N, C-alpha and C. Protein backbone atom coordinates (compact mmCIF):
# COMPACT_ATOMS: atom_id res chain seq x y z
N MET A 1 0.57 18.71 1.53
CA MET A 1 0.49 17.55 2.29
C MET A 1 -0.06 16.31 1.39
N ALA A 2 0.76 15.37 1.54
CA ALA A 2 0.47 14.02 0.50
C ALA A 2 -0.95 13.55 1.25
N ARG A 3 -1.71 12.75 0.49
CA ARG A 3 -2.77 11.99 0.88
C ARG A 3 -2.35 10.74 1.32
N ARG A 4 -3.12 10.02 2.29
CA ARG A 4 -2.72 8.69 2.62
C ARG A 4 -3.04 7.71 1.47
N THR A 5 -2.31 6.64 1.56
CA THR A 5 -2.43 5.55 0.65
C THR A 5 -3.73 4.85 0.99
N ARG A 6 -4.43 4.53 -0.32
CA ARG A 6 -5.86 4.02 0.10
C ARG A 6 -5.70 2.52 -0.73
N GLU A 7 -6.57 1.78 -0.51
CA GLU A 7 -6.84 0.21 -1.08
C GLU A 7 -6.85 0.41 -2.66
N GLU A 8 -7.78 1.62 -3.17
CA GLU A 8 -7.87 1.91 -4.50
C GLU A 8 -6.62 2.03 -5.22
N ASP A 9 -5.54 2.61 -4.59
CA ASP A 9 -4.04 2.63 -5.16
C ASP A 9 -3.54 1.37 -5.41
N ALA A 10 -4.05 0.23 -5.17
CA ALA A 10 -3.45 -1.15 -5.49
C ALA A 10 -3.38 -1.27 -7.00
N GLU A 11 -4.29 -0.61 -7.74
CA GLU A 11 -4.32 -0.61 -9.24
C GLU A 11 -3.12 -0.19 -9.69
N LEU A 12 -2.50 0.82 -9.25
CA LEU A 12 -1.04 1.48 -9.73
C LEU A 12 0.18 0.61 -9.56
N ILE A 13 -0.07 -0.32 -8.61
CA ILE A 13 1.12 -1.37 -8.50
C ILE A 13 1.36 -2.45 -9.47
N GLU A 14 2.52 -2.33 -10.09
CA GLU A 14 2.89 -3.40 -10.90
C GLU A 14 4.20 -4.01 -10.57
N THR A 15 5.08 -3.63 -9.78
CA THR A 15 6.10 -4.45 -9.16
C THR A 15 6.23 -3.97 -7.78
N ALA A 16 7.11 -4.69 -6.92
CA ALA A 16 7.26 -4.56 -5.58
C ALA A 16 7.89 -3.39 -5.34
N ASP A 17 8.62 -2.63 -6.18
CA ASP A 17 9.24 -1.25 -6.04
C ASP A 17 8.22 -0.25 -6.15
N ASP A 18 7.10 -0.55 -6.80
CA ASP A 18 5.87 0.21 -6.79
C ASP A 18 5.22 0.48 -5.52
N LEU A 19 5.14 -0.66 -4.67
CA LEU A 19 4.38 -0.74 -3.48
C LEU A 19 5.47 0.41 -2.51
N GLU A 20 6.59 0.20 -2.47
CA GLU A 20 7.48 1.04 -1.51
C GLU A 20 7.11 2.54 -2.11
N GLU A 21 7.32 2.84 -3.22
CA GLU A 21 7.12 4.28 -3.49
C GLU A 21 5.68 4.77 -3.29
N LEU A 22 4.74 4.08 -3.48
CA LEU A 22 3.17 4.26 -3.37
C LEU A 22 2.75 4.69 -1.85
N VAL A 23 3.21 3.70 -0.86
CA VAL A 23 2.98 3.94 0.43
C VAL A 23 3.47 5.30 1.10
N GLN A 24 2.53 5.92 1.42
CA GLN A 24 2.91 7.33 1.96
C GLN A 24 1.95 7.56 3.24
N ASP A 25 2.42 8.06 4.33
CA ASP A 25 2.08 8.22 5.57
C ASP A 25 1.94 9.93 5.87
N LYS A 26 0.92 10.56 5.53
CA LYS A 26 0.78 11.89 5.62
C LYS A 26 1.12 12.43 7.05
N ARG A 27 0.95 11.57 7.90
CA ARG A 27 1.27 11.85 9.17
C ARG A 27 2.37 11.39 10.02
N GLN A 28 3.32 11.03 9.05
CA GLN A 28 4.51 10.29 9.69
C GLN A 28 5.55 11.31 10.71
N ASN A 29 5.35 12.53 10.48
CA ASN A 29 6.29 13.33 11.24
C ASN A 29 5.66 13.54 12.57
N TRP A 30 4.19 13.24 12.70
CA TRP A 30 3.53 13.34 13.87
C TRP A 30 3.57 12.32 14.85
N ARG A 31 3.72 11.19 14.22
CA ARG A 31 3.70 10.03 15.16
C ARG A 31 4.71 10.10 16.40
N ALA A 32 4.41 9.43 17.39
CA ALA A 32 5.24 9.56 18.68
C ALA A 32 6.50 9.22 18.56
N ASN A 33 6.70 8.01 17.90
CA ASN A 33 8.10 7.65 17.72
C ASN A 33 8.21 7.04 16.22
N SER A 34 9.53 6.81 15.94
CA SER A 34 9.74 6.28 14.69
C SER A 34 9.22 4.76 14.53
N SER A 35 9.30 3.91 15.60
CA SER A 35 8.55 2.72 15.61
C SER A 35 7.14 2.76 15.14
N LYS A 36 6.38 3.42 15.67
CA LYS A 36 5.01 3.75 15.50
C LYS A 36 4.70 4.15 13.85
N ALA A 37 5.61 4.91 13.37
CA ALA A 37 5.68 5.30 11.92
C ALA A 37 5.87 4.10 11.15
N ARG A 38 6.88 3.31 11.63
CA ARG A 38 7.28 2.16 10.68
C ARG A 38 6.22 1.11 10.97
N ARG A 39 5.55 0.89 11.97
CA ARG A 39 4.40 0.02 12.20
C ARG A 39 3.12 0.41 11.29
N ARG A 40 3.01 1.76 11.19
CA ARG A 40 1.79 2.28 10.20
C ARG A 40 2.06 2.06 8.93
N GLN A 41 3.35 2.30 8.35
CA GLN A 41 3.85 1.97 6.97
C GLN A 41 3.54 0.57 6.68
N ARG A 42 4.05 -0.35 7.76
CA ARG A 42 3.84 -1.86 7.42
C ARG A 42 2.10 -2.12 7.22
N ARG A 43 1.60 -1.49 7.96
CA ARG A 43 -0.02 -1.82 8.03
C ARG A 43 -0.59 -1.39 6.44
N TYR A 44 0.13 -0.08 6.06
CA TYR A 44 -0.52 0.41 4.81
C TYR A 44 0.02 -0.59 3.73
N LYS A 45 1.12 -1.20 3.75
CA LYS A 45 1.63 -2.15 2.79
C LYS A 45 0.66 -3.56 2.75
N ASN A 46 0.72 -3.91 4.01
CA ASN A 46 -0.25 -5.02 4.20
C ASN A 46 -1.78 -4.81 3.42
N ARG A 47 -2.21 -3.79 3.77
CA ARG A 47 -3.58 -3.50 3.25
C ARG A 47 -3.59 -3.34 1.66
N LEU A 48 -2.58 -2.85 1.19
CA LEU A 48 -2.34 -2.85 -0.30
C LEU A 48 -2.19 -4.23 -0.92
N THR A 49 -1.44 -5.12 -0.22
CA THR A 49 -1.13 -6.48 -0.60
C THR A 49 -2.32 -7.10 -0.53
N GLN A 50 -3.05 -7.08 0.39
CA GLN A 50 -4.36 -7.75 0.43
C GLN A 50 -5.29 -7.37 -0.59
N GLU A 51 -5.45 -6.04 -0.87
CA GLU A 51 -6.03 -5.60 -2.00
C GLU A 51 -5.65 -6.10 -3.23
N LEU A 52 -4.38 -6.32 -3.55
CA LEU A 52 -3.85 -6.75 -4.76
C LEU A 52 -4.36 -8.30 -4.97
N LEU A 53 -4.28 -8.94 -3.91
CA LEU A 53 -4.65 -10.41 -3.80
C LEU A 53 -6.07 -10.53 -4.02
N ARG A 54 -6.90 -9.64 -3.75
CA ARG A 54 -8.48 -9.46 -3.87
C ARG A 54 -8.75 -9.35 -5.38
N MET A 55 -7.95 -8.27 -5.85
CA MET A 55 -8.20 -8.00 -7.19
C MET A 55 -7.78 -8.97 -8.19
N ASP A 56 -6.78 -9.74 -7.87
CA ASP A 56 -6.39 -10.92 -8.75
C ASP A 56 -7.46 -11.95 -8.61
N ILE A 57 -8.00 -12.32 -7.53
CA ILE A 57 -8.93 -13.22 -7.42
C ILE A 57 -10.23 -13.06 -8.14
N GLU A 58 -10.73 -11.43 -7.97
CA GLU A 58 -11.82 -11.22 -8.71
C GLU A 58 -11.72 -11.08 -10.37
N HIS A 59 -10.51 -10.77 -10.64
CA HIS A 59 -10.34 -10.60 -11.97
C HIS A 59 -8.80 -11.20 -12.53
N PRO A 60 -8.93 -12.60 -12.50
CA PRO A 60 -7.80 -13.28 -12.96
C PRO A 60 -7.31 -12.98 -14.44
N LYS A 61 -6.00 -12.92 -14.69
CA LYS A 61 -5.39 -12.74 -15.84
C LYS A 61 -5.83 -13.76 -16.69
N GLU A 62 -6.15 -13.65 -18.16
CA GLU A 62 -6.40 -14.72 -19.01
C GLU A 62 -5.10 -15.41 -19.62
N ASN A 63 -4.96 -16.57 -19.44
CA ASN A 63 -3.70 -17.25 -19.88
C ASN A 63 -3.81 -17.48 -21.54
N ASP A 64 -2.88 -16.90 -22.30
CA ASP A 64 -3.24 -16.99 -23.79
C ASP A 64 -2.50 -18.17 -24.27
């Protein structure tokens, strides 16, 4: 069984496609219906996006 997506996983994201591949809901098949599964996936993606923004603010890339 896959582990749930965590905020720490934001470090592994470099492109938008990485976000799609990284977000996993280990309980997706247990959800009451597909709309609740999609909602959960959307929340995972939002959490990771917020973490990416927080990481960028704390550790901005230096311009050469």
